[in-house]
Amino acid sequence: MTASQASPDAAHPAPAIRAFVHEQFPLAAQRDLSDDDSLLDSGAVDSLGILDLVGFLESRFEIQIADEDVVGEHFDSVAAMAEFVESKRAGI
């Protein structure tokens, strides 16, 4: 796949993550949380929701998420997930 064929979220995963969060977790949309707001502290996402997020990130961005990577700091906010996706793609 060339750069011109890449999906729009290939370079910037936050919009796709935000859309998924708002669709799957209505409380996040109702509270109008910013990309930096904590999804966990706000109660918008719980531990089962994190499993949904893992599945989404793996399929949408074609990354593998190891069990040890499933920690709050990577899934706390849209911004944290976007940064995590970018680091996984970069092989960090």
PDB file of N, CA and C in Angstrom:
ATOM      1  N   MET A   1       0.846  -1.175   0.000  1.00  0.00           N
ATOM      2  CA  MET A   1       0.000   0.000   0.000  1.00  0.00           C
ATOM      3  C   MET A   1       0.888   1.233   0.000  1.00  0.00           C
ATOM      4  N   THR A   2       0.650   2.126  -0.943  1.00  0.00           N
ATOM      5  CA  THR A   2       1.427   3.356  -1.005  1.00  0.00           C
ATOM      6  C   THR A   2       0.819   4.382  -0.076  1.00  0.00           C
ATOM      7  N   ALA A   3       1.583   5.439   0.156  1.00  0.00           N
ATOM      8  CA  ALA A   3       1.089   6.487   1.055  1.00  0.00           C
ATOM      9  C   ALA A   3      -0.224   7.068   0.546  1.00  0.00           C
ATOM     10  N   SER A   4      -0.368   7.180  -0.791  1.00  0.00           N
ATOM     11  CA  SER A   4      -1.598   7.756  -1.325  1.00  0.00           C
ATOM     12  C   SER A   4      -2.787   6.814  -1.177  1.00  0.00           C
ATOM     13  N   GLN A   5      -2.514   5.496  -0.990  1.00  0.00           N
ATOM     14  CA  GLN A   5      -3.583   4.532  -0.818  1.00  0.00           C
ATOM     15  C   GLN A   5      -3.933   4.309   0.648  1.00  0.00           C
ATOM     16  N   ALA A   6      -3.128   4.816   1.541  1.00  0.00           N
ATOM     17  CA  ALA A   6      -3.344   4.591   2.971  1.00  0.00           C
ATOM     18  C   ALA A   6      -4.673   5.197   3.401  1.00  0.00           C
ATOM     19  N   SER A   7      -5.295   4.564   4.368  1.00  0.00           N
ATOM     20  CA  SER A   7      -6.551   5.096   4.879  1.00  0.00           C
ATOM     21  C   SER A   7      -6.290   6.420   5.583  1.00  0.00           C
ATOM     22  N   PRO A   8      -7.312   7.285   5.655  1.00  0.00           N
ATOM     23  CA  PRO A   8      -7.116   8.589   6.282  1.00  0.00           C
ATOM     24  C   PRO A   8      -6.618   8.508   7.722  1.00  0.00           C
ATOM     25  N   ASP A   9      -6.990   7.442   8.453  1.00  0.00           N
ATOM     26  CA  ASP A   9      -6.557   7.360   9.838  1.00  0.00           C
ATOM     27  C   ASP A   9      -5.188   6.708   9.979  1.00  0.00           C
ATOM     28  N   ALA A  10      -4.546   6.382   8.851  1.00  0.00           N
ATOM     29  CA  ALA A  10      -3.228   5.758   8.924  1.00  0.00           C
ATOM     30  C   ALA A  10      -2.229   6.687   9.600  1.00  0.00           C
ATOM     31  N   ALA A  11      -2.293   7.964   9.283  1.00  0.00           N
ATOM     32  CA  ALA A  11      -1.348   8.912   9.869  1.00  0.00           C
ATOM     33  C   ALA A  11      -1.841   9.454  11.207  1.00  0.00           C
ATOM     34  N   HIS A  12      -3.142   9.586  11.349  1.00  0.00           N
ATOM     35  CA  HIS A  12      -3.722  10.179  12.553  1.00  0.00           C
ATOM     36  C   HIS A  12      -4.848   9.280  13.074  1.00  0.00           C
ATOM     37  N   PRO A  13      -4.539   8.404  14.013  1.00  0.00           N
ATOM     38  CA  PRO A  13      -5.564   7.466  14.485  1.00  0.00           C
ATOM     39  C   PRO A  13      -6.641   8.071  15.382  1.00  0.00           C
ATOM     40  N   ALA A  14      -6.425   9.247  15.948  1.00  0.00           N
ATOM     41  CA  ALA A  14      -7.368   9.804  16.923  1.00  0.00           C
ATOM     42  C   ALA A  14      -8.803   9.936  16.404  1.00  0.00           C
ATOM     43  N   PRO A  15      -9.041  10.437  15.186  1.00  0.00           N
ATOM     44  CA  PRO A  15     -10.441  10.571  14.745  1.00  0.00           C
ATOM     45  C   PRO A  15     -11.201   9.244  14.698  1.00  0.00           C
ATOM     46  N   ALA A  16     -10.557   8.184  14.227  1.00  0.00           N
ATOM     47  CA  ALA A  16     -11.217   6.875  14.172  1.00  0.00           C
ATOM     48  C   ALA A  16     -11.458   6.332  15.576  1.00  0.00           C
ATOM     49  N   ILE A  17     -10.501   6.542  16.465  1.00  0.00           N
ATOM     50  CA  ILE A  17     -10.654   6.087  17.851  1.00  0.00           C
ATOM     51  C   ILE A  17     -11.790   6.853  18.519  1.00  0.00           C
ATOM     52  N   ARG A  18     -11.812   8.162  18.326  1.00  0.00           N
ATOM     53  CA  ARG A  18     -12.868   9.000  18.908  1.00  0.00           C
ATOM     54  C   ARG A  18     -14.246   8.550  18.418  1.00  0.00           C
ATOM     55  N   ALA A  19     -14.374   8.298  17.119  1.00  0.00           N
ATOM     56  CA  ALA A  19     -15.658   7.868  16.560  1.00  0.00           C
ATOM     57  C   ALA A  19     -16.097   6.536  17.169  1.00  0.00           C
ATOM     58  N   PHE A  20     -15.162   5.598  17.313  1.00  0.00           N
ATOM     59  CA  PHE A  20     -15.489   4.299  17.913  1.00  0.00           C
ATOM     60  C   PHE A  20     -15.921   4.472  19.366  1.00  0.00           C
ATOM     61  N   VAL A  21     -15.194   5.278  20.110  1.00  0.00           N
ATOM     62  CA  VAL A  21     -15.518   5.505  21.524  1.00  0.00           C
ATOM     63  C   VAL A  21     -16.917   6.100  21.652  1.00  0.00           C
ATOM     64  N   HIS A  22     -17.235   7.083  20.836  1.00  0.00           N
ATOM     65  CA  HIS A  22     -18.552   7.722  20.926  1.00  0.00           C
ATOM     66  C   HIS A  22     -19.668   6.767  20.514  1.00  0.00           C
ATOM     67  N   GLU A  23     -19.377   5.881  19.561  1.00  0.00           N
ATOM     68  CA  GLU A  23     -20.387   4.926  19.111  1.00  0.00           C
ATOM     69  C   GLU A  23     -20.602   3.807  20.132  1.00  0.00           C
ATOM     70  N   GLN A  24     -19.529   3.295  20.689  1.00  0.00           N
ATOM     71  CA  GLN A  24     -19.601   2.148  21.593  1.00  0.00           C
ATOM     72  C   GLN A  24     -19.888   2.515  23.048  1.00  0.00           C
ATOM     73  N   PHE A  25     -19.499   3.717  23.433  1.00  0.00           N
ATOM     74  CA  PHE A  25     -19.616   4.136  24.827  1.00  0.00           C
ATOM     75  C   PHE A  25     -20.381   5.460  24.886  1.00  0.00           C
ATOM     76  N   PRO A  26     -21.706   5.399  24.857  1.00  0.00           N
ATOM     77  CA  PRO A  26     -22.533   6.605  24.794  1.00  0.00           C
ATOM     78  C   PRO A  26     -22.242   7.624  25.894  1.00  0.00           C
ATOM     79  N   LEU A  27     -21.815   7.160  27.048  1.00  0.00           N
ATOM     80  CA  LEU A  27     -21.518   8.090  28.137  1.00  0.00           C
ATOM     81  C   LEU A  27     -20.393   9.049  27.754  1.00  0.00           C
ATOM     82  N   ALA A  28     -19.438   8.574  26.967  1.00  0.00           N
ATOM     83  CA  ALA A  28     -18.342   9.439  26.514  1.00  0.00           C
ATOM     84  C   ALA A  28     -18.886  10.552  25.624  1.00  0.00           C
ATOM     85  N   ALA A  29     -19.805  10.215  24.745  1.00  0.00           N
ATOM     86  CA  ALA A  29     -20.407  11.219  23.868  1.00  0.00           C
ATOM     87  C   ALA A  29     -21.291  12.175  24.661  1.00  0.00           C
ATOM     88  N   GLN A  30     -22.066  11.644  25.605  1.00  0.00           N
ATOM     89  CA  GLN A  30     -22.963  12.482  26.406  1.00  0.00           C
ATOM     90  C   GLN A  30     -22.191  13.497  27.239  1.00  0.00           C
ATOM     91  N   ARG A  31     -21.057  13.079  27.739  1.00  0.00           N
ATOM     92  CA  ARG A  31     -20.260  13.979  28.584  1.00  0.00           C
ATOM     93  C   ARG A  31     -19.362  14.891  27.763  1.00  0.00           C
ATOM     94  N   ASP A  32     -19.364  14.713  26.443  1.00  0.00           N
ATOM     95  CA  ASP A  32     -18.573  15.552  25.544  1.00  0.00           C
ATOM     96  C   ASP A  32     -17.114  15.619  25.998  1.00  0.00           C
ATOM     97  N   LEU A  33     -16.524  14.453  26.220  1.00  0.00           N
ATOM     98  CA  LEU A  33     -15.148  14.378  26.697  1.00  0.00           C
ATOM     99  C   LEU A  33     -14.176  14.747  25.583  1.00  0.00           C
ATOM    100  N   SER A  34     -13.132  15.464  25.935  1.00  0.00           N
ATOM    101  CA  SER A  34     -12.092  15.804  24.962  1.00  0.00           C
ATOM    102  C   SER A  34     -11.177  14.603  24.773  1.00  0.00           C
ATOM    103  N   ASP A  35     -10.292  14.682  23.794  1.00  0.00           N
ATOM    104  CA  ASP A  35      -9.355  13.585  23.539  1.00  0.00           C
ATOM    105  C   ASP A  35      -8.431  13.328  24.721  1.00  0.00           C
ATOM    106  N   ASP A  36      -8.220  14.326  25.561  1.00  0.00           N
ATOM    107  CA  ASP A  36      -7.320  14.178  26.706  1.00  0.00           C
ATOM    108  C   ASP A  36      -8.039  13.795  27.998  1.00  0.00           C
ATOM    109  N   ASP A  37      -9.355  13.852  28.004  1.00  0.00           N
ATOM    110  CA  ASP A  37     -10.107  13.500  29.214  1.00  0.00           C
ATOM    111  C   ASP A  37     -10.048  11.997  29.468  1.00  0.00           C
ATOM    112  N   SER A  38     -10.018  11.629  30.734  1.00  0.00           N
ATOM    113  CA  SER A  38      -9.931  10.224  31.117  1.00  0.00           C
ATOM    114  C   SER A  38     -11.260   9.511  30.898  1.00  0.00           C
ATOM    115  N   LEU A  39     -11.224   8.501  30.053  1.00  0.00           N
ATOM    116  CA  LEU A  39     -12.407   7.674  29.828  1.00  0.00           C
ATOM    117  C   LEU A  39     -12.663   6.772  31.022  1.00  0.00           C
ATOM    118  N   LEU A  40     -11.594   6.400  31.714  1.00  0.00           N
ATOM    119  CA  LEU A  40     -11.710   5.500  32.859  1.00  0.00           C
ATOM    120  C   LEU A  40     -12.215   6.241  34.086  1.00  0.00           C
ATOM    121  N   ASP A  41     -11.602   7.382  34.411  1.00  0.00           N
ATOM    122  CA  ASP A  41     -12.021   8.151  35.588  1.00  0.00           C
ATOM    123  C   ASP A  41     -13.442   8.694  35.448  1.00  0.00           C
ATOM    124  N   SER A  42     -13.849   8.994  34.215  1.00  0.00           N
ATOM    125  CA  SER A  42     -15.195   9.526  33.984  1.00  0.00           C
ATOM    126  C   SER A  42     -16.263   8.440  34.068  1.00  0.00           C
ATOM    127  N   GLY A  43     -15.831   7.184  34.044  1.00  0.00           N
ATOM    128  CA  GLY A  43     -16.779   6.081  34.063  1.00  0.00           C
ATOM    129  C   GLY A  43     -17.346   5.740  32.697  1.00  0.00           C
ATOM    130  N   ALA A  44     -16.859   6.413  31.656  1.00  0.00           N
ATOM    131  CA  ALA A  44     -17.359   6.158  30.305  1.00  0.00           C
ATOM    132  C   ALA A  44     -16.945   4.780  29.800  1.00  0.00           C
ATOM    133  N   VAL A  45     -15.777   4.306  30.252  1.00  0.00           N
ATOM    134  CA  VAL A  45     -15.257   2.998  29.846  1.00  0.00           C
ATOM    135  C   VAL A  45     -14.857   2.235  31.100  1.00  0.00           C
ATOM    136  N   ASP A  46     -15.247   0.952  31.151  1.00  0.00           N
ATOM    137  CA  ASP A  46     -14.851   0.100  32.277  1.00  0.00           C
ATOM    138  C   ASP A  46     -13.902  -0.985  31.762  1.00  0.00           C
ATOM    139  N   SER A  47     -13.575  -1.944  32.613  1.00  0.00           N
ATOM    140  CA  SER A  47     -12.600  -2.969  32.236  1.00  0.00           C
ATOM    141  C   SER A  47     -13.072  -3.806  31.050  1.00  0.00           C
ATOM    142  N   LEU A  48     -14.353  -4.089  30.961  1.00  0.00           N
ATOM    143  CA  LEU A  48     -14.860  -4.819  29.798  1.00  0.00           C
ATOM    144  C   LEU A  48     -14.785  -3.966  28.539  1.00  0.00           C
ATOM    145  N   GLY A  49     -14.978  -2.680  28.705  1.00  0.00           N
ATOM    146  CA  GLY A  49     -14.857  -1.762  27.579  1.00  0.00           C
ATOM    147  C   GLY A  49     -13.447  -1.726  27.024  1.00  0.00           C
ATOM    148  N   ILE A  50     -12.465  -1.873  27.901  1.00  0.00           N
ATOM    149  CA  ILE A  50     -11.077  -1.903  27.440  1.00  0.00           C
ATOM    150  C   ILE A  50     -10.872  -3.077  26.489  1.00  0.00           C
ATOM    151  N   LEU A  51     -11.497  -4.207  26.776  1.00  0.00           N
ATOM    152  CA  LEU A  51     -11.378  -5.361  25.878  1.00  0.00           C
ATOM    153  C   LEU A  51     -11.963  -5.045  24.505  1.00  0.00           C
ATOM    154  N   ASP A  52     -13.071  -4.313  24.462  1.00  0.00           N
ATOM    155  CA  ASP A  52     -13.638  -3.876  23.184  1.00  0.00           C
ATOM    156  C   ASP A  52     -12.662  -2.962  22.452  1.00  0.00           C
ATOM    157  N   LEU A  53     -12.028  -2.071  23.194  1.00  0.00           N
ATOM    158  CA  LEU A  53     -11.063  -1.157  22.596  1.00  0.00           C
ATOM    159  C   LEU A  53      -9.858  -1.906  22.036  1.00  0.00           C
ATOM    160  N   VAL A  54      -9.384  -2.913  22.762  1.00  0.00           N
ATOM    161  CA  VAL A  54      -8.251  -3.715  22.284  1.00  0.00           C
ATOM    162  C   VAL A  54      -8.604  -4.348  20.938  1.00  0.00           C
ATOM    163  N   GLY A  55      -9.764  -4.976  20.861  1.00  0.00           N
ATOM    164  CA  GLY A  55     -10.192  -5.609  19.615  1.00  0.00           C
ATOM    165  C   GLY A  55     -10.299  -4.616  18.474  1.00  0.00           C
ATOM    166  N   PHE A  56     -10.864  -3.450  18.760  1.00  0.00           N
ATOM    167  CA  PHE A  56     -10.989  -2.416  17.737  1.00  0.00           C
ATOM    168  C   PHE A  56      -9.624  -1.952  17.256  1.00  0.00           C
ATOM    169  N   LEU A  57      -8.736  -1.618  18.174  1.00  0.00           N
ATOM    170  CA  LEU A  57      -7.418  -1.112  17.786  1.00  0.00           C
ATOM    171  C   LEU A  57      -6.643  -2.148  16.979  1.00  0.00           C
ATOM    172  N   GLU A  58      -6.713  -3.406  17.399  1.00  0.00           N
ATOM    173  CA  GLU A  58      -5.993  -4.456  16.677  1.00  0.00           C
ATOM    174  C   GLU A  58      -6.517  -4.608  15.250  1.00  0.00           C
ATOM    175  N   SER A  59      -7.825  -4.614  15.090  1.00  0.00           N
ATOM    176  CA  SER A  59      -8.380  -4.825  13.751  1.00  0.00           C
ATOM    177  C   SER A  59      -8.277  -3.581  12.873  1.00  0.00           C
ATOM    178  N   ARG A  60      -8.566  -2.439  13.419  1.00  0.00           N
ATOM    179  CA  ARG A  60      -8.579  -1.206  12.616  1.00  0.00           C
ATOM    180  C   ARG A  60      -7.187  -0.775  12.191  1.00  0.00           C
ATOM    181  N   PHE A  61      -6.229  -0.926  13.106  1.00  0.00           N
ATOM    182  CA  PHE A  61      -4.887  -0.423  12.823  1.00  0.00           C
ATOM    183  C   PHE A  61      -3.869  -1.528  12.558  1.00  0.00           C
ATOM    184  N   GLU A  62      -4.354  -2.766  12.495  1.00  0.00           N
ATOM    185  CA  GLU A  62      -3.513  -3.919  12.171  1.00  0.00           C
ATOM    186  C   GLU A  62      -2.269  -3.992  13.053  1.00  0.00           C
ATOM    187  N   ILE A  63      -2.510  -3.932  14.356  1.00  0.00           N
ATOM    188  CA  ILE A  63      -1.431  -4.050  15.335  1.00  0.00           C
ATOM    189  C   ILE A  63      -1.744  -5.215  16.259  1.00  0.00           C
ATOM    190  N   GLN A  64      -0.729  -5.696  16.937  1.00  0.00           N
ATOM    191  CA  GLN A  64      -0.893  -6.732  17.951  1.00  0.00           C
ATOM    192  C   GLN A  64      -0.693  -6.082  19.317  1.00  0.00           C
ATOM    193  N   ILE A  65      -1.599  -6.326  20.226  1.00  0.00           N
ATOM    194  CA  ILE A  65      -1.499  -5.771  21.571  1.00  0.00           C
ATOM    195  C   ILE A  65      -1.286  -6.926  22.540  1.00  0.00           C
ATOM    196  N   ALA A  66      -0.117  -6.951  23.150  1.00  0.00           N
ATOM    197  CA  ALA A  66       0.223  -8.002  24.106  1.00  0.00           C
ATOM    198  C   ALA A  66      -0.528  -7.777  25.413  1.00  0.00           C
ATOM    199  N   ASP A  67      -0.717  -8.860  26.143  1.00  0.00           N
ATOM    200  CA  ASP A  67      -1.423  -8.766  27.430  1.00  0.00           C
ATOM    201  C   ASP A  67      -0.807  -7.716  28.344  1.00  0.00           C
ATOM    202  N   GLU A  68       0.523  -7.647  28.362  1.00  0.00           N
ATOM    203  CA  GLU A  68       1.190  -6.693  29.257  1.00  0.00           C
ATOM    204  C   GLU A  68       1.000  -5.237  28.820  1.00  0.00           C
ATOM    205  N   ASP A  69       0.511  -5.024  27.593  1.00  0.00           N
ATOM    206  CA  ASP A  69       0.233  -3.666  27.119  1.00  0.00           C
ATOM    207  C   ASP A  69      -1.182  -3.202  27.468  1.00  0.00           C
ATOM    208  N   VAL A  70      -1.999  -4.106  27.978  1.00  0.00           N
ATOM    209  CA  VAL A  70      -3.380  -3.756  28.321  1.00  0.00           C
ATOM    210  C   VAL A  70      -3.384  -3.180  29.736  1.00  0.00           C
ATOM    211  N   VAL A  71      -2.981  -1.913  29.796  1.00  0.00           N
ATOM    212  CA  VAL A  71      -2.904  -1.182  31.064  1.00  0.00           C
ATOM    213  C   VAL A  71      -3.628   0.151  30.903  1.00  0.00           C
ATOM    214  N   GLY A  72      -4.078   0.686  32.005  1.00  0.00           N
ATOM    215  CA  GLY A  72      -4.846   1.922  31.987  1.00  0.00           C
ATOM    216  C   GLY A  72      -4.184   3.067  31.259  1.00  0.00           C
ATOM    217  N   GLU A  73      -2.887   3.205  31.407  1.00  0.00           N
ATOM    218  CA  GLU A  73      -2.217   4.357  30.792  1.00  0.00           C
ATOM    219  C   GLU A  73      -2.350   4.363  29.271  1.00  0.00           C
ATOM    220  N   HIS A  74      -2.481   3.202  28.647  1.00  0.00           N
ATOM    221  CA  HIS A  74      -2.618   3.137  27.189  1.00  0.00           C
ATOM    222  C   HIS A  74      -4.054   3.343  26.723  1.00  0.00           C
ATOM    223  N   PHE A  75      -5.012   3.170  27.616  1.00  0.00           N
ATOM    224  CA  PHE A  75      -6.424   3.209  27.240  1.00  0.00           C
ATOM    225  C   PHE A  75      -7.210   4.275  27.999  1.00  0.00           C
ATOM    226  N   ASP A  76      -6.526   5.159  28.689  1.00  0.00           N
ATOM    227  CA  ASP A  76      -7.184   6.144  29.543  1.00  0.00           C
ATOM    228  C   ASP A  76      -7.930   7.214  28.758  1.00  0.00           C
ATOM    229  N   SER A  77      -7.438   7.559  27.583  1.00  0.00           N
ATOM    230  CA  SER A  77      -8.057   8.627  26.802  1.00  0.00           C
ATOM    231  C   SER A  77      -7.871   8.345  25.315  1.00  0.00           C
ATOM    232  N   VAL A  78      -8.591   9.071  24.496  1.00  0.00           N
ATOM    233  CA  VAL A  78      -8.422   8.950  23.046  1.00  0.00           C
ATOM    234  C   VAL A  78      -6.988   9.307  22.676  1.00  0.00           C
ATOM    235  N   ALA A  79      -6.456  10.363  23.266  1.00  0.00           N
ATOM    236  CA  ALA A  79      -5.085  10.780  22.963  1.00  0.00           C
ATOM    237  C   ALA A  79      -4.077   9.701  23.356  1.00  0.00           C
ATOM    238  N   ALA A  80      -4.280   9.073  24.514  1.00  0.00           N
ATOM    239  CA  ALA A  80      -3.363   8.012  24.961  1.00  0.00           C
ATOM    240  C   ALA A  80      -3.418   6.822  24.011  1.00  0.00           C
ATOM    241  N   MET A  81      -4.614   6.457  23.556  1.00  0.00           N
ATOM    242  CA  MET A  81      -4.730   5.337  22.622  1.00  0.00           C
ATOM    243  C   MET A  81      -4.093   5.668  21.280  1.00  0.00           C
ATOM    244  N   ALA A  82      -4.275   6.902  20.810  1.00  0.00           N
ATOM    245  CA  ALA A  82      -3.665   7.302  19.541  1.00  0.00           C
ATOM    246  C   ALA A  82      -2.144   7.237  19.637  1.00  0.00           C
ATOM    247  N   GLU A  83      -1.606   7.721  20.736  1.00  0.00           N
ATOM    248  CA  GLU A  83      -0.155   7.668  20.949  1.00  0.00           C
ATOM    249  C   GLU A  83       0.320   6.215  21.027  1.00  0.00           C
ATOM    250  N   PHE A  84      -0.440   5.373  21.700  1.00  0.00           N
ATOM    251  CA  PHE A  84      -0.099   3.956  21.821  1.00  0.00           C
ATOM    252  C   PHE A  84      -0.094   3.286  20.448  1.00  0.00           C
ATOM    253  N   VAL A  85      -1.118   3.550  19.636  1.00  0.00           N
ATOM    254  CA  VAL A  85      -1.186   2.985  18.284  1.00  0.00           C
ATOM    255  C   VAL A  85       0.029   3.423  17.476  1.00  0.00           C
ATOM    256  N   GLU A  86       0.355   4.703  17.540  1.00  0.00           N
ATOM    257  CA  GLU A  86       1.509   5.208  16.799  1.00  0.00           C
ATOM    258  C   GLU A  86       2.795   4.538  17.257  1.00  0.00           C
ATOM    259  N   SER A  87       2.943   4.308  18.553  1.00  0.00           N
ATOM    260  CA  SER A  87       4.159   3.660  19.052  1.00  0.00           C
ATOM    261  C   SER A  87       4.218   2.199  18.609  1.00  0.00           C
ATOM    262  N   LYS A  88       3.076   1.515  18.583  1.00  0.00           N
ATOM    263  CA  LYS A  88       3.050   0.120  18.130  1.00  0.00           C
ATOM    264  C   LYS A  88       3.407   0.038  16.648  1.00  0.00           C
ATOM    265  N   ARG A  89       2.916   0.955  15.860  1.00  0.00           N
ATOM    266  CA  ARG A  89       3.233   0.966  14.433  1.00  0.00           C
ATOM    267  C   ARG A  89       4.701   1.251  14.185  1.00  0.00           C
ATOM    268  N   ALA A  90       5.287   2.061  15.049  1.00  0.00           N
ATOM    269  CA  ALA A  90       6.702   2.408  14.907  1.00  0.00           C
ATOM    270  C   ALA A  90       7.604   1.314  15.469  1.00  0.00           C
ATOM    271  N   GLY A  91       6.992   0.312  16.081  1.00  0.00           N
ATOM    272  CA  GLY A  91       7.766  -0.787  16.637  1.00  0.00           C
ATOM    273  C   GLY A  91       8.404  -0.480  17.970  1.00  0.00           C
ATOM    274  N   ILE A  92       7.882   0.511  18.658  1.00  0.00           N
ATOM    275  CA  ILE A  92       8.436   0.905  19.964  1.00  0.00           C
ATOM    276  C   ILE A  92       7.828   0.040  21.046  1.00  0.00           C
TER     277      ILE A  92
END
